[in-house]
Protein backbone atom coordinates (compact mmCIF):
# COMPACT_ATOMS: atom_id res chain seq x y z
CA MET A 1 15.20 8.26 -2.08
CA GLU A 2 18.01 6.65 -4.04
CA ASP A 3 20.48 8.59 -1.91
CA ILE A 4 19.12 7.00 1.31
CA ASN A 5 21.41 4.26 2.57
CA TYR A 6 19.98 0.80 3.23
CA ALA A 7 21.26 0.93 6.83
CA GLU A 8 19.25 4.11 7.47
CA ILE A 9 15.91 2.41 6.88
CA LYS A 10 16.59 -1.19 7.91
CA ILE A 11 14.87 -2.44 11.08
CA ASN A 12 16.23 -5.67 12.55
CA GLY A 13 13.76 -8.54 12.28
CA TYR A 14 11.83 -6.94 9.40
CA GLU A 15 11.95 -7.14 5.64
CA PHE A 16 11.05 -3.98 3.80
CA TYR A 17 9.86 -3.13 0.34
CA ARG A 18 10.19 0.37 -0.99
CA LYS A 19 9.08 2.25 -4.04
CA ASP A 20 10.73 5.59 -4.62
CA ARG A 21 8.83 8.41 -6.27
CA ARG A 22 9.65 8.58 -9.97
CA LYS A 23 8.81 12.24 -10.51
CA GLY A 24 9.90 15.26 -8.54
CA LYS A 25 12.26 15.47 -5.63
CA GLY A 26 12.20 13.00 -2.75
CA GLY A 27 9.30 10.94 -1.56
CA GLY A 28 8.21 7.39 -1.90
CA ILE A 29 6.59 4.66 0.12
CA ILE A 30 7.84 1.77 2.21
CA ILE A 31 6.26 -1.20 3.93
CA TYR A 32 7.85 -3.29 6.69
CA VAL A 33 6.89 -6.92 7.34
CA ASN A 34 8.11 -9.18 10.14
CA SER A 35 10.81 -11.44 8.65
CA LEU A 36 8.95 -14.53 9.83
CA HIS A 37 5.89 -13.63 7.76
CA SER A 38 7.23 -11.82 4.73
CA GLU A 39 6.82 -13.19 1.29
CA LEU A 40 7.27 -10.93 -1.67
CA SER A 41 6.23 -7.58 -2.97
CA ILE A 42 3.88 -7.51 -5.91
CA ASP A 43 2.49 -5.04 -8.38
CA LEU A 44 -1.26 -5.18 -8.71
CA MET A 45 -1.74 -6.08 -12.36
CA ASN A 46 -0.77 -2.93 -14.21
CA SER A 47 -2.41 -0.47 -11.85
CA ASP A 48 -2.24 3.09 -13.12
CA PHE A 49 -2.10 4.44 -9.55
CA GLU A 50 1.64 4.93 -9.10
CA GLU A 51 2.12 5.51 -5.40
CA SER A 52 1.19 2.16 -3.95
CA LEU A 53 3.12 -0.88 -2.82
CA TRP A 54 1.72 -4.32 -2.02
CA CYS A 55 3.02 -7.53 -0.50
CA LYS A 56 1.66 -10.94 0.36
CA VAL A 57 2.06 -12.04 3.96
CA GLN A 58 1.55 -15.64 5.05
CA SER A 59 -0.30 -16.20 8.34
CA HIS A 60 1.95 -17.63 11.04
CA LYS A 61 -0.65 -20.39 11.47
CA GLY A 62 -0.60 -21.09 7.73
CA ASP A 63 -4.34 -20.57 7.47
CA GLY A 64 -4.38 -17.82 4.88
CA GLN A 65 -2.62 -14.93 3.24
CA LEU A 66 -2.87 -11.25 3.85
CA LEU A 67 -2.57 -8.80 0.99
CA ALA A 68 -1.04 -5.71 2.61
CA GLY A 69 -0.84 -2.44 0.75
CA VAL A 70 0.32 1.07 1.42
CA CYS A 71 -0.84 4.01 -0.70
CA TYR A 72 -0.08 7.70 -0.89
CA ARG A 73 -2.62 10.09 -2.40
CA CYS A 74 -1.31 13.64 -2.66
CA PRO A 75 -3.48 16.45 -1.27
CA THR A 76 -3.86 17.97 -4.76
CA SER A 77 -4.99 14.71 -6.37
CA ASN A 78 -7.31 15.24 -9.33
CA LEU A 79 -10.44 13.29 -10.29
CA GLU A 80 -8.52 11.07 -12.70
CA ASN A 81 -6.00 10.06 -10.04
CA ASN A 82 -8.81 9.49 -7.51
CA ALA A 83 -10.49 7.15 -10.01
CA LYS A 84 -7.20 5.26 -10.42
CA LEU A 85 -6.99 4.82 -6.65
CA LEU A 86 -10.53 3.45 -6.48
CA GLU A 87 -9.76 1.07 -9.37
CA LEU A 88 -6.66 -0.10 -7.49
CA LEU A 89 -8.66 -0.79 -4.33
CA GLU A 90 -11.26 -2.69 -6.34
CA LEU A 91 -8.51 -4.73 -7.98
CA ALA A 92 -7.00 -5.52 -4.57
CA SER A 93 -10.38 -6.68 -3.28
CA LYS A 94 -10.64 -9.17 -6.13
CA HIS A 95 -7.31 -10.92 -5.53
CA SER A 96 -8.34 -14.55 -5.10
CA TYR A 97 -5.26 -15.81 -3.26
CA SER A 98 -5.70 -13.51 -0.26
CA SER A 99 -8.08 -14.30 2.55
CA HIS A 100 -7.60 -10.83 4.10
CA ILE A 101 -6.70 -7.35 2.85
CA LEU A 102 -5.08 -4.51 4.78
CA VAL A 103 -4.78 -1.08 3.17
CA MET A 104 -2.75 1.63 4.89
CA GLY A 105 -1.48 5.00 3.85
CA ASP A 106 -1.91 8.71 3.65
CA PHE A 107 -5.03 9.42 1.63
CA ASN A 108 -5.17 13.17 2.34
CA TYR A 109 -8.93 13.41 2.45
CA LYS A 110 -8.96 16.70 4.34
CA ASP A 111 -12.70 17.28 3.99
CA HIS A 112 -13.74 13.96 5.51
CA THR A 113 -14.23 13.06 9.14
CA VAL A 114 -13.22 9.68 10.54
CA ASP A 115 -16.89 8.64 10.48
CA GLN A 116 -17.18 9.59 6.80
CA GLN A 117 -13.99 7.67 5.96
CA TYR A 118 -15.34 4.60 7.77
CA ARG A 119 -18.55 4.77 5.74
CA LEU A 120 -16.55 5.22 2.52
CA ALA A 121 -14.36 2.19 3.31
CA SER A 122 -17.40 0.10 4.24
CA SER A 123 -19.00 0.83 0.88
CA LEU A 124 -16.05 -0.55 -1.12
């Protein structure tokens, strides 16, 4: 995505953080945060799961911080990569400075229904 111009992805009133795919052609992830609430993007302490991006967002009331993350898991992900994703989610859940966590993304779990995904997320 290095050839994508800043003006092509900028949205007025929002800060964005992006992480371009290192291997292969194209791809990457991006997260937009309202300019009033944005803080900074962070890496989750040496996570081995490459396609994720995280940022801290301060509540507009000042009563806590949100750790917001976006992840991409390719449809052909292997067991090792799946384990790295689960380790990343566990690491995110242990961040002490955040009062809330929001995880978004494309997880490509084609064999799971919405109900199964809800049960999986509730078990984490």
